[in-house]
Each structure stands twice: as C-alpha cells, then as structure tokens.
Amino acid sequence: MSKIFDTKIAIVLREDLMPWQALNVTAFLTGGITAQYGDIIGSDYQDRAGNIYNALIRQPIIVLSAANEILKKVHERSLKRGVKSSLYIEEMFSTGHDDANRAVFAEYDPEDARVVGIALHADKKLVDKIIKGAKMHR
C-alpha cells in the first residue's frame, strides 16, 4: 500500500564525487536530517524469529546529483527560503572527527563554501523548488 507524504526528503550530491565519498556524505547528511526531524523515524523492525532491528526513516528519500553550479543554487535557495539543511563541504573529507568537521565548516561563508552535498526535509512543493536542476543520482 502506497502512502502519500506532504513532505519530501532530498539529498543532492555533487556529481563528481567518488563512490565512497557519495555514500559517506549521504550517510552523514541523512543523520543530520534524522537528528533535526526525529518524528520521521518509524518503529523498530522485528523478523519472524523475534530479532529486533533499528527503526528506519518512514518515508522515501530521493538522492540526486548536480553540477557544482546547480548545487550552489540549491544551497542558496535553501537559505533564502529559510529551510534548515544538512550540509557537507569538501574540506570535511580531510578531517577525522566531528569537532574537526565543525571547525573547518566554520571557516567558510555560504558564498565560498565548497558544497559537496546538501539534504533537505520540508514541504514537498518547497523542496521541489529548491532542488530544481538536480537529476536522479546514478
């Protein structure tokens, strides 16, 4: 049975990332969205043998890719529309822990940040406007 959601979760990755980078950034950005919007988490899973597994996000996540110029526009649009996002910048690949990530992140303004990924959760129509120009990730 299909469920219609009023909101959308979208992750947009810079199109030139190596596969390990794309997966890593996607995981980090998804963590940021779940931390901000805890109500998007469903219930625990249980298999027939009675083993309990972690709950998952209860709605689909669309993963897209975009050229650097489009990704910058997505970032700008999210800020302009007041949509709080999860953001990953290129310099974070060279750090080894959360405090170092935060420190390097603080060195950049939105205009000079080298964004490699952004995740958004908001009203479906608003997210669609913000991510305009991005394509399905392959």
N, C-alpha and C. Protein backbone atom coordinates (compact mmCIF):
# COMPACT_ATOMS: atom_id res chain seq x y z
N MET A 1 0.84 -1.18 0.00
CA MET A 1 0.00 0.00 0.00
C MET A 1 0.89 1.24 0.00
N SER A 2 0.62 2.16 -0.88
CA SER A 2 1.40 3.38 -1.02
C SER A 2 0.88 4.45 -0.09
N LYS A 3 1.78 5.22 0.48
CA LYS A 3 1.40 6.32 1.36
C LYS A 3 1.88 7.62 0.72
N ILE A 4 1.04 8.62 0.75
CA ILE A 4 1.38 9.93 0.21
C ILE A 4 1.88 10.79 1.37
N PHE A 5 3.01 11.44 1.16
CA PHE A 5 3.60 12.30 2.19
C PHE A 5 3.50 13.76 1.76
N ASP A 6 3.24 14.64 2.72
CA ASP A 6 3.19 16.07 2.46
C ASP A 6 4.59 16.67 2.39
N THR A 7 5.55 15.96 2.96
CA THR A 7 6.93 16.44 2.99
C THR A 7 7.80 15.58 2.09
N LYS A 8 9.00 16.07 1.84
CA LYS A 8 9.95 15.35 1.00
C LYS A 8 11.32 15.46 1.63
N ILE A 9 12.07 14.37 1.56
CA ILE A 9 13.47 14.37 1.97
C ILE A 9 14.28 14.23 0.69
N ALA A 10 15.16 15.18 0.45
CA ALA A 10 16.00 15.15 -0.75
C ALA A 10 17.45 15.37 -0.35
N ILE A 11 18.32 14.59 -0.97
CA ILE A 11 19.76 14.75 -0.81
C ILE A 11 20.32 15.03 -2.20
N VAL A 12 21.10 16.10 -2.31
CA VAL A 12 21.72 16.45 -3.58
C VAL A 12 23.23 16.39 -3.39
N LEU A 13 23.88 15.58 -4.20
CA LEU A 13 25.33 15.38 -4.14
C LEU A 13 26.00 16.00 -5.36
N ARG A 14 27.21 16.50 -5.15
CA ARG A 14 27.97 17.00 -6.30
C ARG A 14 28.29 15.82 -7.21
N GLU A 15 28.07 15.98 -8.50
CA GLU A 15 28.12 14.87 -9.44
C GLU A 15 29.49 14.24 -9.64
N ASP A 16 30.57 14.88 -9.22
CA ASP A 16 31.91 14.34 -9.47
C ASP A 16 32.50 13.59 -8.27
N LEU A 17 31.69 13.29 -7.27
CA LEU A 17 32.21 12.58 -6.10
C LEU A 17 32.54 11.13 -6.45
N MET A 18 33.58 10.61 -5.79
CA MET A 18 33.89 9.19 -5.92
C MET A 18 32.81 8.41 -5.17
N PRO A 19 32.56 7.15 -5.55
CA PRO A 19 31.50 6.39 -4.89
C PRO A 19 31.59 6.37 -3.37
N TRP A 20 32.78 6.19 -2.81
CA TRP A 20 32.89 6.15 -1.35
C TRP A 20 32.52 7.50 -0.75
N GLN A 21 32.85 8.58 -1.45
CA GLN A 21 32.51 9.91 -0.95
C GLN A 21 31.00 10.13 -0.99
N ALA A 22 30.37 9.74 -2.08
CA ALA A 22 28.91 9.91 -2.21
C ALA A 22 28.18 9.13 -1.11
N LEU A 23 28.61 7.92 -0.85
CA LEU A 23 27.97 7.12 0.19
C LEU A 23 28.21 7.72 1.57
N ASN A 24 29.43 8.16 1.82
CA ASN A 24 29.78 8.75 3.11
C ASN A 24 28.98 10.02 3.36
N VAL A 25 28.93 10.90 2.37
CA VAL A 25 28.20 12.16 2.51
C VAL A 25 26.70 11.88 2.69
N THR A 26 26.16 10.95 1.93
CA THR A 26 24.74 10.61 2.07
C THR A 26 24.43 10.15 3.49
N ALA A 27 25.30 9.30 4.04
CA ALA A 27 25.08 8.81 5.40
C ALA A 27 25.12 9.95 6.41
N PHE A 28 26.12 10.82 6.31
CA PHE A 28 26.23 11.94 7.24
C PHE A 28 25.03 12.88 7.13
N LEU A 29 24.64 13.21 5.90
CA LEU A 29 23.52 14.13 5.71
C LEU A 29 22.21 13.55 6.21
N THR A 30 22.01 12.25 6.01
CA THR A 30 20.80 11.59 6.50
C THR A 30 20.75 11.64 8.02
N GLY A 31 21.90 11.46 8.65
CA GLY A 31 21.98 11.57 10.11
C GLY A 31 21.55 12.96 10.58
N GLY A 32 21.95 13.98 9.85
CA GLY A 32 21.56 15.34 10.20
C GLY A 32 20.06 15.57 10.10
N ILE A 33 19.46 15.02 9.06
CA ILE A 33 18.02 15.16 8.89
C ILE A 33 17.28 14.44 10.01
N THR A 34 17.70 13.22 10.34
CA THR A 34 17.01 12.48 11.40
C THR A 34 17.20 13.14 12.76
N ALA A 35 18.35 13.77 12.98
CA ALA A 35 18.56 14.48 14.25
C ALA A 35 17.64 15.69 14.36
N GLN A 36 17.41 16.37 13.25
CA GLN A 36 16.56 17.56 13.24
C GLN A 36 15.08 17.22 13.28
N TYR A 37 14.71 16.14 12.62
CA TYR A 37 13.30 15.78 12.48
C TYR A 37 13.07 14.36 13.00
N GLY A 38 13.17 14.17 14.30
CA GLY A 38 13.04 12.85 14.91
C GLY A 38 11.71 12.17 14.64
N ASP A 39 10.70 12.96 14.33
CA ASP A 39 9.38 12.36 14.08
C ASP A 39 9.29 11.62 12.74
N ILE A 40 10.36 11.68 11.92
CA ILE A 40 10.33 10.94 10.66
C ILE A 40 10.79 9.50 10.84
N ILE A 41 11.16 9.13 12.06
CA ILE A 41 11.60 7.77 12.35
C ILE A 41 10.38 6.90 12.66
N GLY A 42 10.33 5.74 12.04
CA GLY A 42 9.24 4.80 12.29
C GLY A 42 9.51 3.98 13.54
N SER A 43 8.91 2.81 13.60
CA SER A 43 9.07 1.91 14.74
C SER A 43 10.14 0.87 14.43
N ASP A 44 10.61 0.19 15.49
CA ASP A 44 11.57 -0.90 15.31
C ASP A 44 11.02 -1.95 14.37
N TYR A 45 11.91 -2.67 13.72
CA TYR A 45 11.57 -3.80 12.88
C TYR A 45 11.79 -5.08 13.67
N GLN A 46 10.96 -6.09 13.38
CA GLN A 46 11.12 -7.39 14.02
C GLN A 46 10.95 -8.47 12.97
N ASP A 47 11.91 -9.40 12.93
CA ASP A 47 11.77 -10.50 11.98
C ASP A 47 10.96 -11.64 12.60
N ARG A 48 10.67 -12.64 11.81
CA ARG A 48 9.83 -13.74 12.25
C ARG A 48 10.42 -14.48 13.46
N ALA A 49 11.75 -14.48 13.58
CA ALA A 49 12.41 -15.16 14.70
C ALA A 49 12.38 -14.33 15.98
N GLY A 50 11.86 -13.11 15.90
CA GLY A 50 11.76 -12.26 17.08
C GLY A 50 12.93 -11.32 17.30
N ASN A 51 13.89 -11.29 16.37
CA ASN A 51 15.03 -10.37 16.48
C ASN A 51 14.55 -8.95 16.21
N ILE A 52 15.02 -8.02 17.02
CA ILE A 52 14.62 -6.61 16.88
C ILE A 52 15.73 -5.85 16.16
N TYR A 53 15.33 -5.01 15.22
CA TYR A 53 16.25 -4.19 14.44
C TYR A 53 15.89 -2.72 14.60
N ASN A 54 16.85 -1.86 14.30
CA ASN A 54 16.62 -0.42 14.42
C ASN A 54 15.47 0.06 13.54
N ALA A 55 14.80 1.07 14.03
CA ALA A 55 13.77 1.75 13.24
C ALA A 55 14.44 2.48 12.09
N LEU A 56 13.71 2.67 11.02
CA LEU A 56 14.21 3.38 9.84
C LEU A 56 13.37 4.63 9.60
N ILE A 57 13.87 5.49 8.75
CA ILE A 57 13.08 6.65 8.32
C ILE A 57 11.84 6.11 7.63
N ARG A 58 10.69 6.69 7.94
CA ARG A 58 9.43 6.12 7.48
C ARG A 58 8.94 6.65 6.14
N GLN A 59 9.72 7.50 5.49
CA GLN A 59 9.32 7.96 4.17
C GLN A 59 10.51 7.87 3.22
N PRO A 60 10.24 7.79 1.92
CA PRO A 60 11.34 7.67 0.96
C PRO A 60 12.26 8.89 0.99
N ILE A 61 13.48 8.65 0.58
CA ILE A 61 14.48 9.72 0.42
C ILE A 61 14.91 9.71 -1.03
N ILE A 62 14.87 10.86 -1.68
CA ILE A 62 15.31 10.97 -3.06
C ILE A 62 16.77 11.43 -3.04
N VAL A 63 17.62 10.73 -3.78
CA VAL A 63 19.04 11.09 -3.87
C VAL A 63 19.31 11.56 -5.29
N LEU A 64 19.81 12.78 -5.39
CA LEU A 64 20.04 13.44 -6.67
C LEU A 64 21.51 13.82 -6.79
N SER A 65 21.90 14.21 -7.99
CA SER A 65 23.24 14.75 -8.19
C SER A 65 23.13 16.00 -9.05
N ALA A 66 24.16 16.82 -8.96
CA ALA A 66 24.14 18.08 -9.70
C ALA A 66 25.56 18.58 -9.91
N ALA A 67 25.72 19.35 -10.94
CA ALA A 67 26.98 20.05 -11.17
C ALA A 67 27.17 21.07 -10.05
N ASN A 68 28.39 21.49 -9.87
CA ASN A 68 28.73 22.43 -8.79
C ASN A 68 27.85 23.68 -8.83
N GLU A 69 27.61 24.22 -10.01
CA GLU A 69 26.82 25.47 -10.12
C GLU A 69 25.39 25.26 -9.62
N ILE A 70 24.80 24.13 -9.98
CA ILE A 70 23.43 23.83 -9.54
C ILE A 70 23.42 23.60 -8.03
N LEU A 71 24.41 22.89 -7.52
CA LEU A 71 24.49 22.62 -6.08
C LEU A 71 24.59 23.93 -5.29
N LYS A 72 25.37 24.88 -5.79
CA LYS A 72 25.45 26.20 -5.15
C LYS A 72 24.08 26.89 -5.13
N LYS A 73 23.33 26.77 -6.23
CA LYS A 73 21.99 27.36 -6.30
C LYS A 73 21.04 26.68 -5.31
N VAL A 74 21.14 25.35 -5.19
CA VAL A 74 20.31 24.63 -4.23
C VAL A 74 20.60 25.15 -2.82
N HIS A 75 21.87 25.31 -2.50
CA HIS A 75 22.27 25.84 -1.19
C HIS A 75 21.71 27.24 -0.98
N GLU A 76 21.88 28.11 -1.97
CA GLU A 76 21.37 29.48 -1.88
C GLU A 76 19.85 29.51 -1.70
N ARG A 77 19.14 28.69 -2.48
CA ARG A 77 17.69 28.66 -2.38
C ARG A 77 17.22 28.18 -1.01
N SER A 78 17.92 27.20 -0.45
CA SER A 78 17.52 26.71 0.88
C SER A 78 17.69 27.80 1.92
N LEU A 79 18.78 28.55 1.84
CA LEU A 79 19.00 29.65 2.79
C LEU A 79 17.96 30.75 2.58
N LYS A 80 17.72 31.12 1.33
CA LYS A 80 16.77 32.19 1.01
C LYS A 80 15.36 31.86 1.49
N ARG A 81 14.99 30.58 1.41
CA ARG A 81 13.64 30.16 1.80
C ARG A 81 13.56 29.72 3.26
N GLY A 82 14.67 29.82 3.99
CA GLY A 82 14.66 29.51 5.41
C GLY A 82 14.50 28.03 5.74
N VAL A 83 14.93 27.16 4.82
CA VAL A 83 14.86 25.73 5.06
C VAL A 83 16.19 25.27 5.66
N LYS A 84 16.15 24.86 6.91
CA LYS A 84 17.35 24.37 7.57
C LYS A 84 17.80 23.09 6.90
N SER A 85 19.06 23.00 6.55
CA SER A 85 19.56 21.85 5.81
C SER A 85 20.72 21.19 6.55
N SER A 86 21.06 20.01 6.09
CA SER A 86 22.31 19.36 6.47
C SER A 86 23.27 19.66 5.32
N LEU A 87 24.49 20.08 5.63
CA LEU A 87 25.43 20.49 4.59
C LEU A 87 26.78 19.83 4.83
N TYR A 88 27.40 19.37 3.77
CA TYR A 88 28.73 18.75 3.84
C TYR A 88 29.60 19.49 2.84
N ILE A 89 30.75 19.99 3.31
CA ILE A 89 31.67 20.70 2.42
C ILE A 89 32.91 19.85 2.17
N GLU A 90 33.58 20.14 1.08
CA GLU A 90 34.72 19.34 0.62
C GLU A 90 35.81 19.20 1.69
N GLU A 91 36.06 20.24 2.42
CA GLU A 91 37.14 20.22 3.41
C GLU A 91 36.89 19.21 4.53
N MET A 92 35.66 18.80 4.72
CA MET A 92 35.35 17.83 5.77
C MET A 92 35.89 16.44 5.45
N PHE A 93 36.22 16.18 4.17
CA PHE A 93 36.83 14.89 3.82
C PHE A 93 38.20 14.71 4.47
N SER A 94 38.86 15.82 4.79
CA SER A 94 40.22 15.72 5.33
C SER A 94 40.27 15.76 6.86
N THR A 95 39.14 15.78 7.51
CA THR A 95 39.11 15.79 8.97
C THR A 95 38.85 14.38 9.48
N GLY A 96 39.06 14.20 10.77
CA GLY A 96 38.91 12.85 11.30
C GLY A 96 37.83 12.68 12.34
N HIS A 97 37.15 13.76 12.71
CA HIS A 97 36.13 13.65 13.75
C HIS A 97 35.20 14.85 13.72
N ASP A 98 34.13 14.75 14.47
CA ASP A 98 33.05 15.75 14.45
C ASP A 98 33.52 17.15 14.82
N ASP A 99 34.34 17.27 15.86
CA ASP A 99 34.81 18.60 16.25
C ASP A 99 35.64 19.25 15.14
N ALA A 100 36.47 18.45 14.48
CA ALA A 100 37.27 18.98 13.37
C ALA A 100 36.37 19.37 12.19
N ASN A 101 35.33 18.59 11.95
CA ASN A 101 34.37 18.95 10.90
C ASN A 101 33.75 20.31 11.18
N ARG A 102 33.29 20.49 12.42
CA ARG A 102 32.66 21.76 12.79
C ARG A 102 33.64 22.92 12.67
N ALA A 103 34.89 22.70 13.04
CA ALA A 103 35.90 23.76 12.98
C ALA A 103 36.17 24.19 11.54
N VAL A 104 36.36 23.22 10.64
CA VAL A 104 36.63 23.57 9.25
C VAL A 104 35.39 24.18 8.60
N PHE A 105 34.22 23.70 8.95
CA PHE A 105 32.96 24.24 8.41
C PHE A 105 32.83 25.72 8.76
N ALA A 106 33.22 26.09 9.98
CA ALA A 106 33.08 27.48 10.45
C ALA A 106 34.00 28.45 9.74
N GLU A 107 34.95 27.96 8.99
CA GLU A 107 35.89 28.82 8.27
C GLU A 107 35.31 29.39 6.97
N TYR A 108 34.12 28.96 6.58
CA TYR A 108 33.57 29.34 5.27
C TYR A 108 32.22 30.03 5.41
N ASP A 109 31.98 30.95 4.48
CA ASP A 109 30.68 31.59 4.32
C ASP A 109 29.91 30.82 3.25
N PRO A 110 28.61 31.02 3.16
CA PRO A 110 27.85 30.35 2.10
C PRO A 110 28.39 30.62 0.69
N GLU A 111 28.94 31.80 0.47
CA GLU A 111 29.43 32.16 -0.85
C GLU A 111 30.69 31.40 -1.25
N ASP A 112 31.54 31.04 -0.29
CA ASP A 112 32.79 30.38 -0.64
C ASP A 112 32.88 28.92 -0.18
N ALA A 113 31.84 28.40 0.42
CA ALA A 113 31.83 27.00 0.85
C ALA A 113 31.83 26.10 -0.38
N ARG A 114 32.68 25.10 -0.39
CA ARG A 114 32.72 24.13 -1.50
C ARG A 114 31.83 22.96 -1.12
N VAL A 115 30.54 23.16 -1.39
CA VAL A 115 29.50 22.20 -1.01
C VAL A 115 29.62 20.94 -1.86
N VAL A 116 29.60 19.78 -1.20
CA VAL A 116 29.58 18.51 -1.93
C VAL A 116 28.27 17.77 -1.72
N GLY A 117 27.48 18.21 -0.73
CA GLY A 117 26.19 17.58 -0.50
C GLY A 117 25.30 18.40 0.41
N ILE A 118 24.02 18.32 0.15
CA ILE A 118 23.02 19.03 0.97
C ILE A 118 21.79 18.14 1.09
N ALA A 119 21.19 18.12 2.27
CA ALA A 119 19.97 17.35 2.50
C ALA A 119 18.90 18.28 3.05
N LEU A 120 17.67 18.09 2.59
CA LEU A 120 16.55 18.94 2.98
C LEU A 120 15.35 18.09 3.35
N HIS A 121 14.58 18.58 4.29
CA HIS A 121 13.28 17.98 4.62
C HIS A 121 12.31 19.13 4.83
N ALA A 122 11.31 19.21 3.99
CA ALA A 122 10.33 20.29 4.08
C ALA A 122 9.11 19.89 3.25
N ASP A 123 8.18 20.83 3.14
CA ASP A 123 7.01 20.63 2.29
C ASP A 123 7.46 20.20 0.89
N LYS A 124 6.78 19.23 0.33
CA LYS A 124 7.16 18.65 -0.96
C LYS A 124 7.36 19.69 -2.05
N LYS A 125 6.41 20.60 -2.18
CA LYS A 125 6.49 21.61 -3.25
C LYS A 125 7.68 22.55 -3.03
N LEU A 126 7.95 22.89 -1.78
CA LEU A 126 9.08 23.76 -1.48
C LEU A 126 10.40 23.07 -1.80
N VAL A 127 10.54 21.81 -1.41
CA VAL A 127 11.76 21.07 -1.72
C VAL A 127 11.94 20.98 -3.23
N ASP A 128 10.87 20.72 -3.97
CA ASP A 128 10.97 20.64 -5.43
C ASP A 128 11.50 21.94 -6.03
N LYS A 129 11.07 23.07 -5.50
CA LYS A 129 11.56 24.37 -6.00
C LYS A 129 13.05 24.55 -5.68
N ILE A 130 13.44 24.13 -4.49
CA ILE A 130 14.83 24.32 -4.06
C ILE A 130 15.78 23.44 -4.86
N ILE A 131 15.40 22.19 -5.15
CA ILE A 131 16.31 21.24 -5.80
C ILE A 131 16.24 21.31 -7.33
N LYS A 132 15.51 22.27 -7.86
CA LYS A 132 15.34 22.41 -9.31
C LYS A 132 16.71 22.39 -10.01
N GLY A 133 16.81 21.55 -11.04
CA GLY A 133 18.03 21.46 -11.81
C GLY A 133 18.85 20.21 -11.48
N ALA A 134 18.62 19.64 -10.33
CA ALA A 134 19.33 18.40 -9.96
C ALA A 134 18.68 17.21 -10.65
N LYS A 135 19.46 16.19 -10.89
CA LYS A 135 18.99 14.98 -11.59
C LYS A 135 19.09 13.77 -10.66
N MET A 136 18.35 12.72 -10.99
CA MET A 136 18.44 11.49 -10.20
C MET A 136 19.88 11.00 -10.19
N HIS A 137 20.36 10.60 -9.01
CA HIS A 137 21.73 10.10 -8.87
C HIS A 137 21.83 8.71 -9.49
N ARG A 138 22.95 8.46 -10.17
CA ARG A 138 23.17 7.13 -10.75
C ARG A 138 24.38 6.49 -10.16
